[in-house]
C-alpha atoms as a PDB file:
ATOM      1  CA  MET A   1       8.328  10.162  99.482  1.00  0.00           C
ATOM      2  CA  CYS A   2       7.685   6.926 101.355  1.00  0.00           C
ATOM      3  CA  ARG A   3       9.724   8.228 104.257  1.00  0.00           C
ATOM      4  CA  ARG A   4       7.718  11.439 104.332  1.00  0.00           C
ATOM      5  CA  SER A   5       4.486   9.445 104.686  1.00  0.00           C
ATOM      6  CA  GLY A   6       5.982   7.426 107.547  1.00  0.00           C
ATOM      7  CA  THR A   7       7.194  10.501 109.432  1.00  0.00           C
ATOM      8  CA  GLU A   8       3.908  12.317 108.897  1.00  0.00           C
ATOM      9  CA  GLY A   9       1.923   9.303 110.083  1.00  0.00           C
ATOM     10  CA  GLU A  10       4.086   9.055 113.194  1.00  0.00           C
ATOM     11  CA  GLU A  11       3.569  12.723 114.025  1.00  0.00           C
ATOM     12  CA  LEU A  12      -0.167  12.631 113.291  1.00  0.00           C
ATOM     13  CA  LYS A  13      -0.680   9.294 115.066  1.00  0.00           C
ATOM     14  CA  GLY A  14       2.280   9.412 117.436  1.00  0.00           C
ATOM     15  CA  LYS A  15       0.057   8.309 120.306  1.00  0.00           C
ATOM     16  CA  SER A  16      -1.428   5.391 118.347  1.00  0.00           C
ATOM     17  CA  SER A  17       1.629   3.217 117.797  1.00  0.00           C
ATOM     18  CA  SER A  18      -0.612   0.496 116.337  1.00  0.00           C
ATOM     19  CA  SER A  19      -1.834   3.023 113.743  1.00  0.00           C
ATOM     20  CA  VAL A  20       1.752   3.737 112.730  1.00  0.00           C
ATOM     21  CA  ARG A  21       2.308   0.054 111.970  1.00  0.00           C
ATOM     22  CA  PRO A  22       0.033   0.076 108.890  1.00  0.00           C
ATOM     23  CA  ASN A  23       1.798   3.242 107.747  1.00  0.00           C
ATOM     24  CA  LEU A  24       5.111   1.348 107.650  1.00  0.00           C
ATOM     25  CA  PHE A  25       3.481  -1.234 105.397  1.00  0.00           C
ATOM     26  CA  TYR A  26       2.424   1.530 103.009  1.00  0.00           C
ATOM     27  CA  ALA A  27       5.974   2.873 102.953  1.00  0.00           C
ATOM     28  CA  LYS A  28       7.154  -0.544 101.779  1.00  0.00           C
END
């Protein structure tokens, strides 16, 4: 499910690359 969160975050905040960074931390 961690991967799903990461992919969803990237799609939702694809423009904000900095916003995707915190998402990766959550996936960990």
